[in-house]
Amino acid sequence: EQVEDAPVKSTILKGPEVDLYKLPVPIFSVLDGGPMITAGVVIAQDPDHGLNAGMYRLMLHDKSTTGIDIVTPNNLRGIAERAFSTNSTVPISISIGTHPCQMIAATFKAPLGVNELTYAGGLSGAPLRLASGVTASVPCIADAEIVLEGEIIPDGWVYPEGPFGEFTRLMGGLHYNPRVKINALMYRDDPTYYALHMPWENIWMSAPIYEAAAWRVLGEAGVKATAIYLTPGGCCHWHVVAAIQKRPGDGKNAIAALLSIADIKHVVVTDEDIDIFDPVEVEWAIATRVQADRDTVILSNARSKPLDPSLAPTAGIPTTAKMGIDATIPENV
């Protein structure tokens, strides 16, 4: 990473000059609650763990105020909760119009203390250029087309946000979130505003993130994977299919490992002879190698996302049932 002395932007608007309505922020679906910024890389600073990056949608409330959707458990929500406990704001930068490597890295669910932006440099093969904040104490992505600087206000999760046409291909419900006061708006000459559209533009970023996590947990479990696929039918978010070089018991161990990944809900594990990118072959493996009472694993009361439309609406963090299907050839057959 390289931090510049000042943002490389041609126009810098501060305070009362800020007008978010000058940006072409669209309403994506006819039932959306308002215009949403959907492709901003949000950078915050944890006092104990350093920089943290993520992507969160921000609904415009007025010309200098947005919401920020951190209703689900994530690192930024934890940073905000700790700041709010002392009635402190959370300074953030929002970089819009960035390289896909930077967006993919920002969506990676790294543990607190691991700066997701380092993965952006690894993916692109070059150090990521950061720029010092003008009104915020955190940097932004220097090569972004547009940058907003602001602070999350410590009022709590009280402001209605949404609904929104989600990656689920369904309308999401109303969320209650904090608000962000935007203190600066910076942009290049003739900037490009990038709007990430749901669902398909969103899930192309989800798949490599969850696939990377799947390779990692299977390796840690000592299971040799040969292919991993986050399926579009599972919104590249909830369903994973893995082919493995099986030893006795590896099918169940693989299921246990894969169900531990954040929001993964359903898992199918096959032998390496199955082309898991062909749904007919996966279904054939399930049909010819599975006995339900022997080869299904169900895990109750696991953490979930409120966006799962099969769950009843609930306050706070919901729980879900997770399931795995061991579609490998049984040892005794």
Protein backbone atom coordinates (compact mmCIF):
# COMPACT_ATOMS: atom_id res chain seq x y z
CA GLU A 1 0.00 0.00 0.00
CA GLN A 2 1.09 3.52 -0.72
CA VAL A 3 -0.48 6.52 0.99
CA GLU A 4 -0.44 9.77 -0.93
CA ASP A 5 -0.33 13.22 0.66
CA ALA A 6 -3.71 14.23 -0.75
CA PRO A 7 -6.50 12.70 -2.83
CA VAL A 8 -5.89 12.82 -6.57
CA LYS A 9 -9.18 14.55 -7.36
CA SER A 10 -9.88 17.61 -9.50
CA THR A 11 -12.90 18.85 -7.52
CA ILE A 12 -13.27 18.85 -3.74
CA LEU A 13 -16.55 20.02 -2.16
CA LYS A 14 -16.82 20.35 1.60
CA GLY A 15 -19.53 21.01 4.17
CA PRO A 16 -22.50 22.94 2.74
CA GLU A 17 -21.14 22.53 -0.80
CA VAL A 18 -21.82 18.78 -0.66
CA ASP A 19 -24.82 17.76 -2.74
CA LEU A 20 -25.23 14.02 -3.30
CA TYR A 21 -28.12 14.66 -5.66
CA LYS A 22 -25.58 15.87 -8.22
CA LEU A 23 -24.45 12.24 -8.51
CA PRO A 24 -26.49 9.98 -10.84
CA VAL A 25 -27.48 7.60 -8.03
CA PRO A 26 -30.26 5.43 -9.45
CA ILE A 27 -33.33 3.72 -8.09
CA PHE A 28 -32.79 0.15 -9.30
CA SER A 29 -36.17 -1.47 -8.67
CA VAL A 30 -39.60 0.12 -8.77
CA LEU A 31 -40.27 -0.75 -5.12
CA ASP A 32 -36.91 0.49 -3.76
CA GLY A 33 -37.12 2.88 -0.84
CA GLY A 34 -34.87 5.42 -2.53
CA PRO A 35 -31.67 5.93 -4.50
CA MET A 36 -28.89 3.59 -3.34
CA ILE A 37 -25.11 3.84 -3.65
CA THR A 38 -24.26 0.18 -4.23
CA ALA A 39 -20.61 0.04 -5.35
CA GLY A 40 -18.73 2.09 -2.76
CA VAL A 41 -15.65 0.62 -1.08
CA VAL A 42 -16.03 1.77 2.52
CA ILE A 43 -12.82 2.19 4.53
CA ALA A 44 -12.85 2.60 8.32
CA GLN A 45 -10.21 2.47 11.04
CA ASP A 46 -10.49 0.19 14.05
CA PRO A 47 -8.56 1.71 16.97
CA ASP A 48 -7.04 -1.65 17.87
CA HIS A 49 -6.93 -3.53 14.57
CA GLY A 50 -6.18 -0.98 11.85
CA LEU A 51 -7.87 -0.39 8.51
CA ASN A 52 -10.93 -2.31 7.47
CA ALA A 53 -12.66 -2.28 4.08
CA GLY A 54 -16.09 -3.48 3.00
CA MET A 55 -18.95 -2.81 0.61
CA TYR A 56 -22.25 -1.66 2.07
CA ARG A 57 -25.15 -0.02 0.34
CA LEU A 58 -25.97 3.56 1.29
CA MET A 59 -29.46 4.99 0.74
CA LEU A 60 -29.66 8.73 0.10
CA HIS A 61 -31.73 10.57 2.71
CA ASP A 62 -30.89 14.15 1.80
CA LYS A 63 -28.14 15.98 -0.04
CA SER A 64 -25.53 15.28 2.65
CA THR A 65 -26.91 12.28 4.57
CA THR A 66 -27.11 8.58 3.74
CA GLY A 67 -27.91 5.39 5.56
CA ILE A 68 -25.44 2.52 5.70
CA ASP A 69 -26.64 -1.07 5.70
CA ILE A 70 -24.68 -2.71 8.51
CA VAL A 71 -27.64 -4.50 10.03
CA THR A 72 -25.94 -7.92 9.73
CA PRO A 73 -22.86 -9.00 11.71
CA ASN A 74 -19.66 -7.75 10.07
CA ASN A 75 -16.47 -5.99 11.06
CA LEU A 76 -17.78 -2.47 10.40
CA ARG A 77 -20.82 -3.13 12.55
CA GLY A 78 -18.49 -4.19 15.37
CA ILE A 79 -16.39 -1.05 14.93
CA ALA A 80 -19.57 1.05 15.01
CA GLU A 81 -20.94 -0.69 18.10
CA ARG A 82 -17.74 -0.03 20.04
CA ALA A 83 -17.68 3.62 18.93
CA PHE A 84 -21.36 4.12 19.73
CA SER A 85 -20.81 2.80 23.28
CA THR A 86 -18.80 5.99 23.93
CA ASN A 87 -21.06 8.18 21.77
CA SER A 88 -18.30 8.51 19.16
CA THR A 89 -18.67 8.75 15.39
CA VAL A 90 -16.95 6.41 12.93
CA PRO A 91 -15.01 8.28 10.20
CA ILE A 92 -15.26 6.53 6.83
CA SER A 93 -14.37 7.07 3.19
CA ILE A 94 -16.48 5.75 0.32
CA SER A 95 -14.62 5.15 -2.96
CA ILE A 96 -16.84 4.81 -6.03
CA GLY A 97 -15.62 3.75 -9.47
CA THR A 98 -12.80 1.43 -8.42
CA HIS A 99 -11.11 -1.57 -10.03
CA PRO A 100 -12.99 -4.90 -9.77
CA CYS A 101 -10.06 -6.35 -7.80
CA GLN A 102 -10.64 -3.70 -5.16
CA MET A 103 -14.36 -4.42 -4.94
CA ILE A 104 -13.82 -8.17 -4.71
CA ALA A 105 -11.20 -7.69 -1.98
CA ALA A 106 -13.52 -5.38 -0.03
CA THR A 107 -16.26 -8.00 0.01
CA PHE A 108 -13.90 -10.68 1.35
CA LYS A 109 -14.83 -11.64 4.90
CA ALA A 110 -11.40 -11.28 6.46
CA PRO A 111 -11.06 -11.50 10.25
CA LEU A 112 -10.77 -8.26 12.17
CA GLY A 113 -7.15 -7.15 12.07
CA VAL A 114 -6.65 -8.25 8.44
CA ASN A 115 -6.87 -5.34 6.03
CA GLU A 116 -8.92 -6.49 3.03
CA LEU A 117 -7.19 -3.94 0.82
CA THR A 118 -4.00 -6.01 0.92
CA TYR A 119 -5.85 -8.66 -1.09
CA ALA A 120 -6.62 -6.05 -3.74
CA GLY A 121 -2.90 -5.56 -4.26
CA GLY A 122 -2.38 -9.30 -4.42
CA LEU A 123 -5.16 -9.79 -6.98
CA SER A 124 -3.91 -7.00 -9.23
CA GLY A 125 -0.22 -7.76 -8.75
CA ALA A 126 0.69 -4.22 -7.73
CA PRO A 127 0.49 -2.15 -4.54
CA LEU A 128 -2.85 -0.40 -4.02
CA ARG A 129 -2.54 3.39 -4.02
CA LEU A 130 -4.31 5.03 -1.10
CA ALA A 131 -4.86 8.76 -0.61
CA SER A 132 -5.00 10.67 2.65
CA GLY A 133 -8.37 11.99 3.78
CA VAL A 134 -9.29 15.65 3.44
CA THR A 135 -11.95 15.79 6.17
CA ALA A 136 -11.73 12.22 7.47
CA SER A 137 -8.97 10.49 9.41
CA VAL A 138 -9.05 7.48 7.09
CA PRO A 139 -7.63 7.13 3.57
CA CYS A 140 -9.52 6.45 0.35
CA ILE A 141 -8.61 4.62 -2.86
CA ALA A 142 -6.51 7.12 -4.80
CA ASP A 143 -7.58 5.95 -8.25
CA ALA A 144 -11.32 6.01 -7.53
CA GLU A 145 -13.50 8.13 -9.79
CA ILE A 146 -15.53 9.61 -6.90
CA VAL A 147 -14.87 9.70 -3.15
CA LEU A 148 -17.20 10.59 -0.30
CA GLU A 149 -15.89 11.28 3.19
CA GLY A 150 -18.15 11.16 6.19
CA GLU A 151 -18.85 9.77 9.63
CA ILE A 152 -21.34 7.23 10.92
CA ILE A 153 -23.51 9.03 13.49
CA PRO A 154 -23.90 7.25 16.87
CA ASP A 155 -27.70 7.32 16.98
CA GLY A 156 -27.93 3.55 16.71
CA TRP A 157 -29.87 1.27 14.40
CA VAL A 158 -33.00 3.43 14.31
CA TYR A 159 -33.41 4.85 10.78
CA PRO A 160 -35.55 2.96 8.25
CA GLU A 161 -33.67 1.95 5.11
CA GLY A 162 -35.01 0.13 2.10
CA PRO A 163 -36.72 -1.90 0.87
CA PHE A 164 -34.34 -2.91 -1.90
CA GLY A 165 -34.31 -5.38 -4.80
CA GLU A 166 -31.74 -7.80 -3.41
CA PHE A 167 -29.23 -10.32 -4.73
CA THR A 168 -31.85 -12.93 -3.82
CA ARG A 169 -33.88 -11.83 -6.89
CA LEU A 170 -36.58 -10.75 -4.44
CA MET A 171 -37.45 -7.53 -2.65
CA GLY A 172 -35.82 -7.29 0.76
CA GLY A 173 -37.59 -6.01 3.82
CA LEU A 174 -37.14 -2.76 5.71
CA HIS A 175 -33.88 -2.49 7.64
CA TYR A 176 -33.08 -0.12 10.49
CA ASN A 177 -29.57 1.31 10.32
CA PRO A 178 -27.38 4.21 11.41
CA ARG A 179 -26.94 7.30 9.26
CA VAL A 180 -23.81 8.75 7.68
CA LYS A 181 -23.10 12.49 7.54
CA ILE A 182 -21.17 13.21 4.34
CA ASN A 183 -18.62 15.98 4.89
CA ALA A 184 -16.80 15.97 1.55
CA LEU A 185 -17.43 15.00 -2.05
CA MET A 186 -14.43 14.63 -4.39
CA TYR A 187 -14.28 13.58 -8.00
CA ARG A 188 -12.09 13.56 -11.09
CA ASP A 189 -12.76 15.57 -14.24
CA ASP A 190 -15.68 13.99 -16.09
CA PRO A 191 -15.96 11.13 -13.57
CA THR A 192 -17.63 7.79 -14.18
CA TYR A 193 -20.25 6.83 -11.59
CA TYR A 194 -20.42 3.04 -11.24
CA ALA A 195 -23.65 1.50 -9.98
CA LEU A 196 -23.58 -2.19 -9.07
CA HIS A 197 -26.91 -3.70 -10.11
CA MET A 198 -28.68 -6.53 -8.31
CA PRO A 199 -28.72 -9.44 -8.60
CA TRP A 200 -26.29 -10.64 -11.26
CA GLU A 201 -23.68 -7.90 -11.06
CA ASN A 202 -23.55 -8.44 -7.32
CA ILE A 203 -23.22 -12.21 -7.29
CA TRP A 204 -20.29 -12.31 -9.71
CA MET A 205 -18.31 -10.78 -6.83
CA SER A 206 -19.76 -13.15 -4.23
CA ALA A 207 -18.70 -16.37 -5.96
CA PRO A 208 -14.89 -15.96 -5.83
CA ILE A 209 -15.08 -14.76 -2.22
CA TYR A 210 -16.97 -17.80 -0.99
CA GLU A 211 -15.02 -20.15 -3.25
CA ALA A 212 -11.77 -18.87 -1.73
CA ALA A 213 -13.18 -19.51 1.74
CA ALA A 214 -14.23 -23.02 0.66
CA TRP A 215 -10.73 -23.90 -0.60
CA ARG A 216 -9.32 -22.59 2.69
CA VAL A 217 -11.60 -24.49 5.08
CA LEU A 218 -11.29 -27.75 3.15
CA GLY A 219 -7.51 -27.45 3.23
CA GLU A 220 -7.62 -26.79 6.97
CA ALA A 221 -9.85 -29.86 7.38
CA GLY A 222 -7.33 -32.01 5.52
CA VAL A 223 -9.71 -32.69 2.62
CA LYS A 224 -8.23 -32.61 -0.89
CA ALA A 225 -10.62 -30.64 -3.12
CA THR A 226 -10.40 -30.81 -6.92
CA ALA A 227 -13.17 -28.31 -7.81
CA ILE A 228 -15.49 -25.89 -6.02
CA TYR A 229 -18.55 -24.15 -7.42
CA LEU A 230 -20.81 -21.47 -5.91
CA THR A 231 -23.97 -21.93 -7.95
CA PRO A 232 -25.97 -19.07 -9.51
CA GLY A 233 -29.15 -20.84 -8.42
CA GLY A 234 -27.94 -20.37 -4.84
CA CYS A 235 -27.35 -16.69 -5.64
CA CYS A 236 -23.57 -17.40 -5.54
CA HIS A 237 -24.06 -17.01 -1.83
CA TRP A 238 -25.89 -19.93 -0.18
CA HIS A 239 -25.05 -23.07 -2.17
CA VAL A 240 -21.65 -24.68 -2.72
CA VAL A 241 -20.76 -27.88 -4.57
CA ALA A 242 -17.34 -29.43 -3.99
CA ALA A 243 -15.58 -32.34 -5.69
CA ILE A 244 -12.97 -34.10 -3.57
CA GLN A 245 -10.37 -36.88 -3.70
CA LYS A 246 -12.10 -38.93 -1.07
CA ARG A 247 -10.69 -40.92 1.78
CA PRO A 248 -13.02 -42.69 4.23
CA GLY A 249 -15.08 -40.08 6.09
CA ASP A 250 -13.96 -37.13 3.97
CA GLY A 251 -17.43 -36.53 2.59
CA LYS A 252 -18.85 -35.75 6.04
CA ASN A 253 -15.74 -33.81 7.08
CA ALA A 254 -16.03 -31.69 3.95
CA ILE A 255 -19.68 -30.95 4.74
CA ALA A 256 -18.81 -29.89 8.29
CA ALA A 257 -16.08 -27.58 7.03
CA LEU A 258 -18.13 -25.99 4.25
CA LEU A 259 -21.17 -25.36 6.46
CA SER A 260 -18.92 -23.34 8.78
CA ILE A 261 -18.51 -20.64 6.10
CA ALA A 262 -20.51 -17.54 6.98
CA ASP A 263 -23.78 -17.72 5.04
CA ILE A 264 -23.37 -21.06 3.24
CA LYS A 265 -26.68 -22.86 3.70
CA HIS A 266 -26.65 -25.99 1.50
CA VAL A 267 -23.64 -28.12 0.50
CA VAL A 268 -23.21 -31.01 -1.94
CA VAL A 269 -19.95 -32.99 -1.90
CA THR A 270 -19.09 -35.34 -4.78
CA ASP A 271 -16.21 -37.50 -5.91
CA GLU A 272 -13.70 -36.02 -8.33
CA ASP A 273 -15.16 -37.94 -11.30
CA ILE A 274 -18.24 -35.67 -11.22
CA ASP A 275 -18.21 -32.45 -13.27
CA ILE A 276 -19.71 -30.21 -10.61
CA PHE A 277 -20.24 -27.42 -13.13
CA ASP A 278 -22.82 -29.63 -14.88
CA PRO A 279 -26.03 -29.72 -12.81
CA VAL A 280 -27.10 -32.95 -14.53
CA GLU A 281 -23.97 -34.74 -13.27
CA VAL A 282 -24.45 -33.36 -9.74
CA GLU A 283 -28.07 -34.52 -9.73
CA TRP A 284 -26.97 -37.94 -11.06
CA ALA A 285 -24.47 -38.26 -8.20
CA ILE A 286 -27.22 -37.45 -5.69
CA ALA A 287 -29.58 -39.92 -7.35
CA THR A 288 -27.12 -42.85 -7.51
CA ARG A 289 -24.83 -42.39 -4.50
CA VAL A 290 -27.02 -40.98 -1.73
CA GLN A 291 -29.15 -42.62 0.95
CA ALA A 292 -30.92 -39.78 2.75
CA ASP A 293 -30.78 -41.33 6.22
CA ARG A 294 -27.05 -41.97 5.87
CA ASP A 295 -25.76 -39.14 3.69
CA THR A 296 -27.58 -35.96 4.75
CA VAL A 297 -26.33 -33.76 7.56
CA ILE A 298 -28.62 -31.12 9.10
CA LEU A 299 -27.36 -28.41 11.43
CA SER A 300 -29.99 -26.39 13.30
CA ASN A 301 -29.86 -22.87 14.72
CA ALA A 302 -26.84 -21.62 12.78
CA ARG A 303 -26.31 -17.91 12.22
CA SER A 304 -28.05 -16.49 9.18
CA LYS A 305 -28.67 -13.29 7.25
CA PRO A 306 -31.99 -11.43 7.54
CA LEU A 307 -32.14 -11.47 3.72
CA ASP A 308 -33.02 -15.19 3.62
CA PRO A 309 -36.65 -15.01 2.45
CA SER A 310 -37.43 -18.50 3.79
CA LEU A 311 -37.08 -17.22 7.37
CA ALA A 312 -39.81 -15.50 9.34
CA PRO A 313 -39.03 -11.81 9.97
CA THR A 314 -37.29 -11.32 13.30
CA ALA A 315 -35.58 -8.59 15.26
CA GLY A 316 -31.81 -8.91 15.50
CA ILE A 317 -29.73 -11.71 14.01
CA PRO A 318 -31.78 -14.70 12.81
CA THR A 319 -30.76 -18.36 12.80
CA THR A 320 -31.18 -20.92 10.06
CA ALA A 321 -30.95 -24.65 9.39
CA LYS A 322 -28.02 -25.78 7.24
CA MET A 323 -27.84 -29.00 5.24
CA GLY A 324 -25.15 -31.04 3.55
CA ILE A 325 -25.49 -33.94 1.10
CA ASP A 326 -22.64 -36.43 0.86
CA ALA A 327 -22.94 -37.55 -2.77
CA THR A 328 -19.66 -39.46 -2.77
CA ILE A 329 -19.53 -43.23 -3.38
CA PRO A 330 -20.12 -44.89 0.01
CA GLU A 331 -17.23 -46.88 1.48
CA ASN A 332 -19.32 -50.04 1.86
CA VAL A 333 -20.77 -50.09 -1.67
